[in-house]
C-alpha atoms as a PDB file:
ATOM      1  CA  MET A   1      46.455  16.823 -26.824  1.00  0.00           C
ATOM      2  CA  LYS A   2      44.650  19.604 -25.027  1.00  0.00           C
ATOM      3  CA  LYS A   3      42.061  19.946 -27.640  1.00  0.00           C
ATOM      4  CA  SER A   4      41.294  16.122 -27.356  1.00  0.00           C
ATOM      5  CA  ILE A   5      41.022  16.384 -23.615  1.00  0.00           C
ATOM      6  CA  LEU A   6      38.697  19.361 -23.945  1.00  0.00           C
ATOM      7  CA  ILE A   7      36.402  17.540 -26.444  1.00  0.00           C
ATOM      8  CA  THR A   8      36.361  14.545 -24.077  1.00  0.00           C
ATOM      9  CA  LEU A   9      35.244  16.632 -21.137  1.00  0.00           C
ATOM     10  CA  LEU A  10      32.639  18.403 -23.156  1.00  0.00           C
ATOM     11  CA  LEU A  11      31.127  15.181 -24.241  1.00  0.00           C
ATOM     12  CA  LEU A  12      31.101  13.927 -20.683  1.00  0.00           C
ATOM     13  CA  LEU A  13      29.384  17.110 -19.577  1.00  0.00           C
ATOM     14  CA  VAL A  14      26.720  16.859 -22.283  1.00  0.00           C
ATOM     15  CA  GLY A  15      26.192  13.274 -21.314  1.00  0.00           C
ATOM     16  CA  VAL A  16      25.645  14.017 -17.626  1.00  0.00           C
ATOM     17  CA  THR A  17      23.374  16.927 -18.511  1.00  0.00           C
ATOM     18  CA  GLY A  18      21.413  14.766 -20.858  1.00  0.00           C
ATOM     19  CA  ALA A  19      20.937  12.118 -18.192  1.00  0.00           C
ATOM     20  CA  ASN A  20      19.651  14.661 -15.614  1.00  0.00           C
ATOM     21  CA  ALA A  21      17.326  16.126 -18.156  1.00  0.00           C
ATOM     22  CA  GLN A  22      15.818  12.721 -18.833  1.00  0.00           C
ATOM     23  CA  LYS A  23      15.300  11.834 -15.129  1.00  0.00           C
ATOM     24  CA  THR A  24      11.695  11.841 -14.053  1.00  0.00           C
ATOM     25  CA  TYR A  25       9.993  11.836 -10.773  1.00  0.00           C
ATOM     26  CA  ASP A  26       6.906  10.359  -9.146  1.00  0.00           C
ATOM     27  CA  ILE A  27       4.948  12.585  -6.638  1.00  0.00           C
ATOM     28  CA  TYR A  28       3.902  11.192  -3.367  1.00  0.00           C
ATOM     29  CA  GLU A  29       1.060  12.821  -1.150  1.00  0.00           C
ATOM     30  CA  ILE A  30       0.457  11.171   2.211  1.00  0.00           C
ATOM     31  CA  GLN A  31      -2.050  12.267   4.941  1.00  0.00           C
ATOM     32  CA  VAL A  32      -0.348  11.401   8.353  1.00  0.00           C
ATOM     33  CA  ASP A  33      -1.995  11.137  11.707  1.00  0.00           C
ATOM     34  CA  GLY A  34       0.019  12.022  14.911  1.00  0.00           C
ATOM     35  CA  LEU A  35       2.145  14.953  13.679  1.00  0.00           C
ATOM     36  CA  GLY A  36       1.798  17.383  16.707  1.00  0.00           C
ATOM     37  CA  CYS A  37       4.911  19.587  16.563  1.00  0.00           C
ATOM     38  CA  PRO A  38       7.938  20.614  14.366  1.00  0.00           C
ATOM     39  CA  PHE A  39      10.088  17.848  16.132  1.00  0.00           C
ATOM     40  CA  CYS A  40       7.474  15.250  14.826  1.00  0.00           C
ATOM     41  CA  ALA A  41       7.858  16.668  11.278  1.00  0.00           C
ATOM     42  CA  TYR A  42      11.610  16.507  11.622  1.00  0.00           C
ATOM     43  CA  GLY A  43      11.405  12.842  12.732  1.00  0.00           C
ATOM     44  CA  LEU A  44       9.209  11.974   9.723  1.00  0.00           C
ATOM     45  CA  GLU A  45      11.424  13.761   7.243  1.00  0.00           C
ATOM     46  CA  LYS A  46      14.572  12.168   8.743  1.00  0.00           C
ATOM     47  CA  LYS A  47      13.075   8.693   8.392  1.00  0.00           C
ATOM     48  CA  PHE A  48      12.291   9.244   4.817  1.00  0.00           C
ATOM     49  CA  LYS A  49      15.757  10.594   4.060  1.00  0.00           C
ATOM     50  CA  GLU A  50      16.683   6.862   4.079  1.00  0.00           C
ATOM     51  CA  PHE A  51      15.270   6.801   0.602  1.00  0.00           C
ATOM     52  CA  LYS A  52      18.165   7.959  -1.321  1.00  0.00           C
ATOM     53  CA  GLY A  53      17.198  10.548  -3.979  1.00  0.00           C
ATOM     54  CA  ILE A  54      14.128  11.988  -2.225  1.00  0.00           C
ATOM     55  CA  LYS A  55      13.417  15.629  -3.183  1.00  0.00           C
ATOM     56  CA  LYS A  56      10.970  18.425  -2.464  1.00  0.00           C
ATOM     57  CA  VAL A  57       9.895  17.197   1.000  1.00  0.00           C
ATOM     58  CA  ALA A  58       6.951  19.275   2.407  1.00  0.00           C
ATOM     59  CA  ILE A  59       5.070  18.785   5.632  1.00  0.00           C
ATOM     60  CA  GLU A  60       2.222  20.644   6.979  1.00  0.00           C
ATOM     61  CA  ILE A  61       1.790  19.956  10.712  1.00  0.00           C
ATOM     62  CA  GLU A  62      -1.579  21.354  11.146  1.00  0.00           C
ATOM     63  CA  THR A  63      -3.168  19.222   8.397  1.00  0.00           C
ATOM     64  CA  GLY A  64      -0.753  16.274   8.358  1.00  0.00           C
ATOM     65  CA  ASP A  65      -0.115  16.695   4.765  1.00  0.00           C
ATOM     66  CA  PHE A  66       3.230  15.167   3.773  1.00  0.00           C
ATOM     67  CA  SER A  67       4.579  15.287   0.136  1.00  0.00           C
ATOM     68  CA  PHE A  68       7.830  14.481  -1.728  1.00  0.00           C
ATOM     69  CA  LYS A  69       9.179  13.599  -5.105  1.00  0.00           C
ATOM     70  CA  TYR A  70      11.182  10.322  -5.777  1.00  0.00           C
ATOM     71  CA  PRO A  71      12.912   9.015  -8.961  1.00  0.00           C
ATOM     72  CA  SER A  72      10.364   7.198 -11.087  1.00  0.00           C
ATOM     73  CA  ASP A  73      12.931   4.508 -12.083  1.00  0.00           C
ATOM     74  CA  LYS A  74      13.066   3.279  -8.480  1.00  0.00           C
ATOM     75  CA  ALA A  75       9.340   2.701  -8.499  1.00  0.00           C
ATOM     76  CA  LEU A  76       8.780   3.156  -4.733  1.00  0.00           C
ATOM     77  CA  SER A  77       5.503   1.368  -3.840  1.00  0.00           C
ATOM     78  CA  MET A  78       2.555   2.568  -1.737  1.00  0.00           C
ATOM     79  CA  GLU A  79       3.215  -0.165   0.740  1.00  0.00           C
ATOM     80  CA  GLU A  80       6.880   0.863   1.181  1.00  0.00           C
ATOM     81  CA  VAL A  81       5.813   4.445   1.669  1.00  0.00           C
ATOM     82  CA  GLU A  82       3.059   3.589   4.361  1.00  0.00           C
ATOM     83  CA  LYS A  83       5.431   1.210   6.112  1.00  0.00           C
ATOM     84  CA  GLN A  84       8.078   3.978   6.329  1.00  0.00           C
ATOM     85  CA  VAL A  85       5.400   6.296   7.869  1.00  0.00           C
ATOM     86  CA  GLU A  86       4.671   3.670  10.441  1.00  0.00           C
ATOM     87  CA  LYS A  87       8.442   3.083  11.207  1.00  0.00           C
ATOM     88  CA  ALA A  88       8.620   6.787  11.947  1.00  0.00           C
ATOM     89  CA  GLY A  89       5.961   6.273  14.620  1.00  0.00           C
ATOM     90  CA  TYR A  90       2.945   7.731  12.778  1.00  0.00           C
ATOM     91  CA  THR A  91      -0.289   6.519  10.999  1.00  0.00           C
ATOM     92  CA  PRO A  92      -0.837   6.926   7.286  1.00  0.00           C
ATOM     93  CA  ILE A  93      -4.533   7.881   6.738  1.00  0.00           C
ATOM     94  CA  SER A  94      -4.545   8.062   3.005  1.00  0.00           C
ATOM     95  CA  SER A  95      -1.981   8.155   0.238  1.00  0.00           C
ATOM     96  CA  LYS A  96      -1.681   9.196  -3.327  1.00  0.00           C
ATOM     97  CA  ILE A  97       0.977   8.574  -5.883  1.00  0.00           C
ATOM     98  CA  THR A  98       1.142  10.439  -9.223  1.00  0.00           C
ATOM     99  CA  ARG A  99       3.563   8.469 -11.397  1.00  0.00           C
ATOM    100  CA  ALA A 100       5.644  10.303 -13.971  1.00  0.00           C
ATOM    101  CA  ASN A 101       3.659   8.569 -16.784  1.00  0.00           C
ATOM    102  CA  GLY A 102       0.396  10.100 -15.429  1.00  0.00           C
ATOM    103  CA  ASP A 103      -0.921   6.989 -13.671  1.00  0.00           C
ATOM    104  CA  ILE A 104      -2.430   7.693 -10.204  1.00  0.00           C
ATOM    105  CA  GLU A 105      -2.446   5.240  -7.341  1.00  0.00           C
ATOM    106  CA  THR A 106      -4.542   5.808  -4.115  1.00  0.00           C
ATOM    107  CA  SER A 107      -5.116   4.063  -0.744  1.00  0.00           C
ATOM    108  CA  GLY A 108      -7.502   4.724   2.094  1.00  0.00           C
ATOM    109  CA  GLY A 109     -10.447   5.259  -0.244  1.00  0.00           C
ATOM    110  CA  THR A 110     -13.662   3.370  -0.608  1.00  0.00           C
ATOM    111  CA  ASP A 111     -14.172   0.624  -3.097  1.00  0.00           C
ATOM    112  CA  MET A 112     -17.235   2.080  -4.834  1.00  0.00           C
ATOM    113  CA  ALA A 113     -17.648  -0.955  -7.194  1.00  0.00           C
ATOM    114  CA  SER A 114     -18.686  -3.086  -4.232  1.00  0.00           C
ATOM    115  CA  LEU A 115     -21.553  -0.789  -3.308  1.00  0.00           C
ATOM    116  CA  ASP A 116     -25.104  -0.697  -4.678  1.00  0.00           C
ATOM    117  CA  MET A 117     -25.501   2.949  -5.214  1.00  0.00           C
ATOM    118  CA  GLU A 118     -29.297   2.677  -5.917  1.00  0.00           C
ATOM    119  CA  ASN A 119     -29.961   1.682  -2.352  1.00  0.00           C
ATOM    120  CA  MET A 120     -27.910   4.498  -0.758  1.00  0.00           C
ATOM    121  CA  THR A 121     -29.250   7.103   1.679  1.00  0.00           C
ATOM    122  CA  THR A 122     -27.812  10.226   3.161  1.00  0.00           C
ATOM    123  CA  GLY A 123     -27.189  11.375   6.728  1.00  0.00           C
ATOM    124  CA  SER A 124     -25.327  13.891   8.818  1.00  0.00           C
ATOM    125  CA  VAL A 125     -23.561  13.766  12.210  1.00  0.00           C
ATOM    126  CA  PHE A 126     -21.997  16.526  14.381  1.00  0.00           C
ATOM    127  CA  VAL A 127     -18.491  15.587  15.141  1.00  0.00           C
ATOM    128  CA  ALA A 128     -16.256  17.642  17.313  1.00  0.00           C
ATOM    129  CA  GLY A 129     -12.778  18.511  15.802  1.00  0.00           C
ATOM    130  CA  LYS A 130     -10.488  21.445  15.085  1.00  0.00           C
ATOM    131  CA  CYS A 131      -8.288  21.082  12.068  1.00  0.00           C
ATOM    132  CA  GLY A 132      -7.369  19.327   8.749  1.00  0.00           C
ATOM    133  CA  MET A 133      -5.816  16.433  10.590  1.00  0.00           C
ATOM    134  CA  CYS A 134      -9.078  15.895  12.450  1.00  0.00           C
ATOM    135  CA  ARG A 135     -10.890  15.891   9.213  1.00  0.00           C
ATOM    136  CA  ALA A 136      -8.742  13.192   7.670  1.00  0.00           C
ATOM    137  CA  ARG A 137      -9.047  11.214  10.898  1.00  0.00           C
ATOM    138  CA  ILE A 138     -12.862  11.499  11.054  1.00  0.00           C
ATOM    139  CA  VAL A 139     -13.402  10.771   7.329  1.00  0.00           C
ATOM    140  CA  LYS A 140     -11.178   7.647   7.540  1.00  0.00           C
ATOM    141  CA  ALA A 141     -13.051   6.306  10.572  1.00  0.00           C
ATOM    142  CA  ALA A 142     -16.398   6.883   8.741  1.00  0.00           C
ATOM    143  CA  LYS A 143     -15.286   5.426   5.501  1.00  0.00           C
ATOM    144  CA  GLY A 144     -13.645   2.395   7.213  1.00  0.00           C
ATOM    145  CA  LEU A 145     -17.256   0.995   7.896  1.00  0.00           C
ATOM    146  CA  GLU A 146     -18.628  -1.362   5.367  1.00  0.00           C
ATOM    147  CA  GLY A 147     -21.459   0.311   3.529  1.00  0.00           C
ATOM    148  CA  VAL A 148     -20.275   3.829   3.746  1.00  0.00           C
ATOM    149  CA  ALA A 149     -19.866   5.306   0.202  1.00  0.00           C
ATOM    150  CA  THR A 150     -18.706   8.839   0.932  1.00  0.00           C
ATOM    151  CA  ALA A 151     -17.961  10.898   4.006  1.00  0.00           C
ATOM    152  CA  SER A 152     -17.164  14.624   4.179  1.00  0.00           C
ATOM    153  CA  TRP A 153     -16.512  16.623   7.348  1.00  0.00           C
ATOM    154  CA  ASP A 154     -16.770  20.463   7.374  1.00  0.00           C
ATOM    155  CA  GLN A 155     -14.273  22.113   9.856  1.00  0.00           C
ATOM    156  CA  ASP A 156     -16.489  25.177  10.381  1.00  0.00           C
ATOM    157  CA  SER A 157     -19.926  23.532  10.957  1.00  0.00           C
ATOM    158  CA  LYS A 158     -18.441  20.322  12.447  1.00  0.00           C
ATOM    159  CA  ILE A 159     -20.933  18.445  10.326  1.00  0.00           C
ATOM    160  CA  LEU A 160     -20.062  14.971   8.864  1.00  0.00           C
ATOM    161  CA  GLU A 161     -22.073  14.371   5.668  1.00  0.00           C
ATOM    162  CA  LEU A 162     -22.651  10.599   4.766  1.00  0.00           C
ATOM    163  CA  VAL A 163     -23.836   8.578   1.906  1.00  0.00           C
ATOM    164  CA  TYR A 164     -24.279   5.016   2.970  1.00  0.00           C
ATOM    165  CA  ASP A 165     -26.250   1.694   2.608  1.00  0.00           C
ATOM    166  CA  PRO A 166     -28.871   1.504   5.371  1.00  0.00           C
ATOM    167  CA  GLY A 167     -29.007  -2.195   4.874  1.00  0.00           C
ATOM    168  CA  THR A 168     -25.445  -2.506   5.916  1.00  0.00           C
ATOM    169  CA  THR A 169     -24.712   0.335   8.434  1.00  0.00           C
ATOM    170  CA  ASP A 170     -26.261   3.250  10.145  1.00  0.00           C
ATOM    171  CA  VAL A 171     -25.513   6.670  11.614  1.00  0.00           C
ATOM    172  CA  ALA A 172     -25.069   5.269  15.099  1.00  0.00           C
ATOM    173  CA  SER A 173     -22.453   2.856  13.826  1.00  0.00           C
ATOM    174  CA  VAL A 174     -20.552   5.793  12.220  1.00  0.00           C
ATOM    175  CA  GLU A 175     -20.752   7.827  15.418  1.00  0.00           C
ATOM    176  CA  ASN A 176     -19.341   4.898  17.326  1.00  0.00           C
ATOM    177  CA  ALA A 177     -16.452   4.461  14.778  1.00  0.00           C
ATOM    178  CA  VAL A 178     -15.652   8.193  14.901  1.00  0.00           C
ATOM    179  CA  ALA A 179     -15.660   8.117  18.776  1.00  0.00           C
ATOM    180  CA  LEU A 180     -13.187   5.153  18.787  1.00  0.00           C
ATOM    181  CA  ALA A 181     -10.965   7.365  16.599  1.00  0.00           C
ATOM    182  CA  GLY A 182     -11.068  10.053  19.452  1.00  0.00           C
ATOM    183  CA  HIS A 183     -13.753  12.456  18.363  1.00  0.00           C
ATOM    184  CA  ASP A 184     -16.958  13.167  20.288  1.00  0.00           C
ATOM    185  CA  THR A 185     -20.323  13.059  18.582  1.00  0.00           C
ATOM    186  CA  LYS A 186     -23.808  13.766  20.118  1.00  0.00           C
ATOM    187  CA  GLY A 187     -24.490  10.136  20.130  1.00  0.00           C
ATOM    188  CA  ALA A 188     -21.151   8.630  21.205  1.00  0.00           C
ATOM    189  CA  LYS A 189     -18.302  10.038  23.209  1.00  0.00           C
ATOM    190  CA  ALA A 190     -14.606   9.267  22.795  1.00  0.00           C
ATOM    191  CA  THR A 191     -12.857   7.483  25.675  1.00  0.00           C
ATOM    192  CA  LYS A 192     -10.324   9.422  27.778  1.00  0.00           C
ATOM    193  CA  ASP A 193      -7.475   7.469  26.254  1.00  0.00           C
ATOM    194  CA  ALA A 194      -8.573   8.022  22.707  1.00  0.00           C
ATOM    195  CA  TYR A 195      -8.860  11.701  23.228  1.00  0.00           C
ATOM    196  CA  LYS A 196      -5.596  11.849  25.099  1.00  0.00           C
ATOM    197  CA  ASP A 197      -3.857  10.114  22.161  1.00  0.00           C
ATOM    198  CA  LEU A 198      -4.834  12.960  19.775  1.00  0.00           C
ATOM    199  CA  PRO A 199      -2.129  15.391  18.585  1.00  0.00           C
ATOM    200  CA  GLY A 200      -2.057  18.697  20.478  1.00  0.00           C
ATOM    201  CA  CYS A 201      -3.529  20.529  17.483  1.00  0.00           C
ATOM    202  CA  CYS A 202      -6.552  18.290  17.559  1.00  0.00           C
ATOM    203  CA  LYS A 203      -7.492  18.794  21.195  1.00  0.00           C
ATOM    204  CA  TYR A 204     -11.025  20.135  20.610  1.00  0.00           C
ATOM    205  CA  GLU A 205     -13.494  21.161  23.410  1.00  0.00           C
ATOM    206  CA  ARG A 206     -15.186  18.046  24.648  1.00  0.00           C
ATOM    207  CA  LEU A 207     -18.875  17.715  24.300  1.00  0.00           C
ATOM    208  CA  ASP A 208     -21.024  17.390  27.348  1.00  0.00           C
ATOM    209  CA  GLN A 209     -23.224  14.234  27.466  1.00  0.00           C
END
């Protein structure tokens, strides 16, 4: 009788171990705007703990980088993730999901297929900012304009490099879009309210105009 019980327990243990070994996870990486302090990070993490089974939560306050793992069999969607960020009181800038099967999903990017790359030109803009979170916000504002193919902001030089369709947009439009997001350029200045709404780590030295 004891031997029978022992065998049964061993089989159950093997079964549980096997199930855990087969469990796979999707990896989620989100750039979040609005994280200004450890309390903000705690609030975001707490909101995502509503997703049962979440693991390996990591938040970088300075850059706004937020990542976690989630069971692939639950197939958590990009829309669900971004809505959860908004429910926590923050803004998702860009998102990336690496599925367990190797598939990659992204949002916040440019639809390159809709652009005529042969007619593209380049340009650069000085944009005031301080950190990785600033970079994400500036790039999102620029790439949100129709006709902008690529945008890249350097934290040291403060230069935003652009590739865009001059028949659709121009540098001045990009400057206005970036200013609306809270960042001064030499051609357009953010409003006091837009600047005030920036997280503490993003409070750069305003440009005189």
